[in-house]
Amino acid sequence: MFSIVLIVVLFVSIIATVEWWLSEEISTSEFYVGVEFAYSDNVDDLKALVDKVKDYTNLLVLGAVQMSFNQNALTASCDYHVQFRSNTCGLDC
């Protein structure tokens, strides 16, 4: 009698575990690989860098302090990066 109860409990536990495991959503978090652009405030230099690394990066960090004060250059730089790769454009101050 004890072995039958043990088998039923084990069977129900296995089914419950499999159902729980299959019902969980598999979460995938994005992995970021990027480059930093610094020591230049020239948007054309940044565009050249983005063109060079756009196939294998999804993160751009702007470390050019001069560019951070020029809203037009900053917007153009981030828009150019987003056009090719992702929505990730960070400012490193």
N, C-alpha and C. Protein backbone atom coordinates (compact mmCIF):
# COMPACT_ATOMS: atom_id res chain seq x y z
N MET A 1 0.81 -1.20 0.00
CA MET A 1 0.00 0.00 0.00
C MET A 1 0.86 1.27 0.00
N PHE A 2 1.92 1.27 0.82
CA PHE A 2 2.82 2.43 0.90
C PHE A 2 3.48 2.69 -0.44
N SER A 3 3.86 1.64 -1.15
CA SER A 3 4.53 1.81 -2.45
C SER A 3 3.59 2.41 -3.48
N ILE A 4 2.30 2.08 -3.42
CA ILE A 4 1.34 2.64 -4.37
C ILE A 4 1.16 4.13 -4.11
N VAL A 5 1.05 4.53 -2.84
CA VAL A 5 0.93 5.94 -2.49
C VAL A 5 2.18 6.69 -2.91
N LEU A 6 3.34 6.11 -2.69
CA LEU A 6 4.61 6.73 -3.07
C LEU A 6 4.69 6.92 -4.58
N ILE A 7 4.26 5.95 -5.35
CA ILE A 7 4.29 6.04 -6.81
C ILE A 7 3.32 7.13 -7.28
N VAL A 8 2.13 7.21 -6.68
CA VAL A 8 1.16 8.24 -7.07
C VAL A 8 1.69 9.63 -6.75
N VAL A 9 2.26 9.81 -5.56
CA VAL A 9 2.82 11.11 -5.17
C VAL A 9 3.96 11.48 -6.09
N LEU A 10 4.82 10.55 -6.40
CA LEU A 10 5.95 10.80 -7.30
C LEU A 10 5.45 11.17 -8.70
N PHE A 11 4.46 10.44 -9.19
CA PHE A 11 3.90 10.70 -10.51
C PHE A 11 3.27 12.09 -10.58
N VAL A 12 2.48 12.46 -9.58
CA VAL A 12 1.86 13.78 -9.54
C VAL A 12 2.92 14.88 -9.44
N SER A 13 3.97 14.64 -8.66
CA SER A 13 5.05 15.63 -8.52
C SER A 13 5.76 15.85 -9.85
N ILE A 14 6.01 14.79 -10.56
CA ILE A 14 6.70 14.90 -11.85
C ILE A 14 5.82 15.67 -12.83
N ILE A 15 4.55 15.34 -12.89
CA ILE A 15 3.64 16.04 -13.80
C ILE A 15 3.55 17.53 -13.44
N ALA A 16 3.43 17.83 -12.15
CA ALA A 16 3.34 19.22 -11.73
C ALA A 16 4.62 19.98 -12.07
N THR A 17 5.76 19.36 -11.88
CA THR A 17 7.05 19.99 -12.17
C THR A 17 7.19 20.25 -13.66
N VAL A 18 6.81 19.29 -14.49
CA VAL A 18 6.91 19.46 -15.95
C VAL A 18 5.96 20.56 -16.41
N GLU A 19 4.75 20.58 -15.90
CA GLU A 19 3.80 21.63 -16.26
C GLU A 19 4.31 23.01 -15.86
N TRP A 20 4.85 23.12 -14.67
CA TRP A 20 5.40 24.40 -14.21
C TRP A 20 6.58 24.83 -15.07
N TRP A 21 7.45 23.88 -15.39
CA TRP A 21 8.64 24.19 -16.17
C TRP A 21 8.28 24.62 -17.59
N LEU A 22 7.30 23.96 -18.18
CA LEU A 22 6.90 24.31 -19.54
C LEU A 22 6.11 25.60 -19.61
N SER A 23 5.45 25.97 -18.53
CA SER A 23 4.64 27.18 -18.55
C SER A 23 5.45 28.45 -18.31
N GLU A 24 6.67 28.33 -17.82
CA GLU A 24 7.50 29.51 -17.59
C GLU A 24 7.95 30.09 -18.92
N GLU A 25 7.94 31.41 -18.98
CA GLU A 25 8.46 32.07 -20.17
C GLU A 25 9.97 32.09 -20.10
N ILE A 26 10.57 31.80 -21.20
CA ILE A 26 12.02 31.84 -21.27
C ILE A 26 12.42 33.28 -21.56
N SER A 27 13.13 33.87 -20.63
CA SER A 27 13.53 35.26 -20.81
C SER A 27 14.93 35.32 -21.41
N THR A 28 15.05 36.16 -22.38
CA THR A 28 16.36 36.38 -23.00
C THR A 28 16.69 37.85 -22.82
N SER A 29 17.80 38.10 -22.24
CA SER A 29 18.22 39.48 -22.08
C SER A 29 19.23 39.81 -23.17
N GLU A 30 19.14 41.02 -23.65
CA GLU A 30 20.01 41.44 -24.73
C GLU A 30 21.43 41.67 -24.20
N PHE A 31 22.39 41.26 -24.98
CA PHE A 31 23.79 41.42 -24.63
C PHE A 31 24.33 42.60 -25.43
N TYR A 32 24.99 43.53 -24.75
CA TYR A 32 25.47 44.74 -25.40
C TYR A 32 26.97 44.65 -25.68
N VAL A 33 27.32 44.99 -26.91
CA VAL A 33 28.72 45.10 -27.33
C VAL A 33 28.84 46.44 -28.03
N GLY A 34 29.77 47.25 -27.59
CA GLY A 34 29.81 48.57 -28.19
C GLY A 34 31.17 49.20 -28.24
N VAL A 35 31.15 50.43 -28.68
CA VAL A 35 32.37 51.24 -28.80
C VAL A 35 32.11 52.59 -28.14
N GLU A 36 33.19 53.26 -27.82
CA GLU A 36 33.10 54.61 -27.27
C GLU A 36 33.73 55.58 -28.26
N PHE A 37 33.05 56.66 -28.49
CA PHE A 37 33.56 57.73 -29.36
C PHE A 37 33.94 58.89 -28.47
N ALA A 38 35.21 59.25 -28.48
CA ALA A 38 35.68 60.33 -27.61
C ALA A 38 36.77 61.13 -28.32
N TYR A 39 37.09 62.26 -27.75
CA TYR A 39 38.19 63.13 -28.18
C TYR A 39 37.99 63.74 -29.55
N SER A 40 36.75 63.84 -29.99
CA SER A 40 36.46 64.52 -31.24
C SER A 40 35.03 65.01 -31.18
N ASP A 41 34.80 66.17 -31.76
CA ASP A 41 33.43 66.67 -31.82
C ASP A 41 32.91 66.71 -33.25
N ASN A 42 33.59 65.99 -34.13
CA ASN A 42 33.23 65.96 -35.54
C ASN A 42 32.23 64.83 -35.80
N VAL A 43 31.05 65.18 -36.27
CA VAL A 43 30.00 64.20 -36.53
C VAL A 43 30.42 63.26 -37.66
N ASP A 44 31.18 63.74 -38.62
CA ASP A 44 31.63 62.88 -39.72
C ASP A 44 32.56 61.78 -39.22
N ASP A 45 33.41 62.10 -38.23
CA ASP A 45 34.27 61.07 -37.64
C ASP A 45 33.42 59.99 -36.94
N LEU A 46 32.39 60.43 -36.27
CA LEU A 46 31.51 59.48 -35.60
C LEU A 46 30.78 58.60 -36.61
N LYS A 47 30.31 59.20 -37.68
CA LYS A 47 29.62 58.42 -38.72
C LYS A 47 30.56 57.39 -39.34
N ALA A 48 31.81 57.76 -39.52
CA ALA A 48 32.79 56.81 -40.06
C ALA A 48 33.01 55.64 -39.09
N LEU A 49 33.05 55.94 -37.79
CA LEU A 49 33.20 54.89 -36.79
C LEU A 49 31.98 53.97 -36.79
N VAL A 50 30.79 54.54 -36.83
CA VAL A 50 29.57 53.73 -36.85
C VAL A 50 29.54 52.85 -38.09
N ASP A 51 29.92 53.39 -39.23
CA ASP A 51 29.97 52.59 -40.46
C ASP A 51 30.94 51.42 -40.34
N LYS A 52 32.02 51.65 -39.62
CA LYS A 52 33.05 50.62 -39.48
C LYS A 52 32.60 49.48 -38.55
N VAL A 53 31.84 49.80 -37.50
CA VAL A 53 31.52 48.78 -36.48
C VAL A 53 30.04 48.40 -36.44
N LYS A 54 29.25 48.88 -37.38
CA LYS A 54 27.80 48.68 -37.30
C LYS A 54 27.36 47.23 -37.41
N ASP A 55 28.17 46.36 -37.98
CA ASP A 55 27.78 44.97 -38.16
C ASP A 55 27.93 44.13 -36.89
N TYR A 56 28.66 44.60 -35.91
CA TYR A 56 28.88 43.78 -34.72
C TYR A 56 28.75 44.53 -33.40
N THR A 57 28.17 45.71 -33.40
CA THR A 57 27.94 46.44 -32.15
C THR A 57 26.48 46.86 -32.06
N ASN A 58 26.01 47.03 -30.83
CA ASN A 58 24.65 47.53 -30.62
C ASN A 58 24.62 48.61 -29.54
N LEU A 59 25.78 49.15 -29.22
CA LEU A 59 25.89 50.18 -28.20
C LEU A 59 26.92 51.21 -28.62
N LEU A 60 26.55 52.46 -28.48
CA LEU A 60 27.47 53.56 -28.77
C LEU A 60 27.51 54.45 -27.54
N VAL A 61 28.71 54.66 -27.02
CA VAL A 61 28.89 55.55 -25.88
C VAL A 61 29.63 56.78 -26.38
N LEU A 62 29.02 57.93 -26.18
CA LEU A 62 29.65 59.18 -26.61
C LEU A 62 30.43 59.76 -25.43
N GLY A 63 31.72 59.83 -25.59
CA GLY A 63 32.57 60.37 -24.54
C GLY A 63 33.14 61.72 -24.89
N ALA A 64 32.66 62.30 -25.97
CA ALA A 64 33.15 63.60 -26.41
C ALA A 64 32.37 64.69 -25.68
N VAL A 65 33.02 65.36 -24.76
CA VAL A 65 32.36 66.38 -23.96
C VAL A 65 31.87 67.53 -24.84
N GLN A 66 32.66 67.88 -25.84
CA GLN A 66 32.27 68.98 -26.72
C GLN A 66 30.96 68.66 -27.43
N MET A 67 30.78 67.41 -27.81
CA MET A 67 29.57 67.02 -28.53
C MET A 67 28.35 67.04 -27.61
N SER A 68 28.56 66.79 -26.33
CA SER A 68 27.43 66.75 -25.40
C SER A 68 26.80 68.13 -25.20
N PHE A 69 27.54 69.20 -25.49
CA PHE A 69 27.01 70.54 -25.36
C PHE A 69 26.40 71.06 -26.66
N ASN A 70 26.59 70.33 -27.74
CA ASN A 70 26.05 70.71 -29.04
C ASN A 70 24.87 69.78 -29.34
N GLN A 71 23.66 70.25 -29.09
CA GLN A 71 22.47 69.40 -29.20
C GLN A 71 22.26 68.88 -30.63
N ASN A 72 22.54 69.70 -31.62
CA ASN A 72 22.37 69.26 -33.00
C ASN A 72 23.32 68.12 -33.35
N ALA A 73 24.58 68.25 -32.93
CA ALA A 73 25.55 67.19 -33.19
C ALA A 73 25.21 65.93 -32.42
N LEU A 74 24.77 66.08 -31.20
CA LEU A 74 24.40 64.93 -30.37
C LEU A 74 23.21 64.19 -30.96
N THR A 75 22.21 64.93 -31.36
CA THR A 75 21.02 64.31 -31.97
C THR A 75 21.37 63.63 -33.28
N ALA A 76 22.15 64.28 -34.11
CA ALA A 76 22.55 63.69 -35.40
C ALA A 76 23.37 62.42 -35.18
N SER A 77 24.24 62.43 -34.19
CA SER A 77 25.08 61.27 -33.92
C SER A 77 24.26 60.08 -33.45
N CYS A 78 23.38 60.30 -32.49
CA CYS A 78 22.55 59.21 -31.98
C CYS A 78 21.57 58.72 -33.04
N ASP A 79 21.00 59.63 -33.80
CA ASP A 79 20.08 59.22 -34.86
C ASP A 79 20.79 58.37 -35.91
N TYR A 80 22.00 58.72 -36.24
CA TYR A 80 22.76 57.95 -37.23
C TYR A 80 23.04 56.55 -36.71
N HIS A 81 23.41 56.45 -35.44
CA HIS A 81 23.68 55.13 -34.86
C HIS A 81 22.41 54.29 -34.79
N VAL A 82 21.32 54.88 -34.36
CA VAL A 82 20.05 54.16 -34.22
C VAL A 82 19.55 53.69 -35.58
N GLN A 83 19.81 54.46 -36.61
CA GLN A 83 19.39 54.10 -37.96
C GLN A 83 19.97 52.75 -38.37
N PHE A 84 21.16 52.43 -37.94
CA PHE A 84 21.82 51.20 -38.37
C PHE A 84 21.70 50.05 -37.38
N ARG A 85 21.77 50.31 -36.08
CA ARG A 85 21.90 49.20 -35.16
C ARG A 85 20.80 49.07 -34.12
N SER A 86 20.66 49.99 -33.28
CA SER A 86 19.78 49.76 -32.15
C SER A 86 19.28 51.09 -31.61
N ASN A 87 18.62 51.02 -30.50
CA ASN A 87 18.13 52.23 -29.87
C ASN A 87 19.00 52.62 -28.67
N THR A 88 20.23 52.18 -28.66
CA THR A 88 21.11 52.42 -27.52
C THR A 88 22.22 53.39 -27.89
N CYS A 89 22.13 54.56 -27.34
CA CYS A 89 23.15 55.58 -27.54
C CYS A 89 23.34 56.25 -26.19
N GLY A 90 24.49 56.07 -25.59
CA GLY A 90 24.72 56.60 -24.24
C GLY A 90 25.71 57.74 -24.23
N LEU A 91 25.65 58.53 -23.19
CA LEU A 91 26.53 59.67 -23.02
C LEU A 91 27.41 59.43 -21.81
N ASP A 92 28.70 59.45 -21.99
CA ASP A 92 29.65 59.21 -20.91
C ASP A 92 30.25 60.54 -20.50
N CYS A 93 29.89 61.03 -19.34
CA CYS A 93 30.41 62.32 -18.87
C CYS A 93 31.39 62.13 -17.75
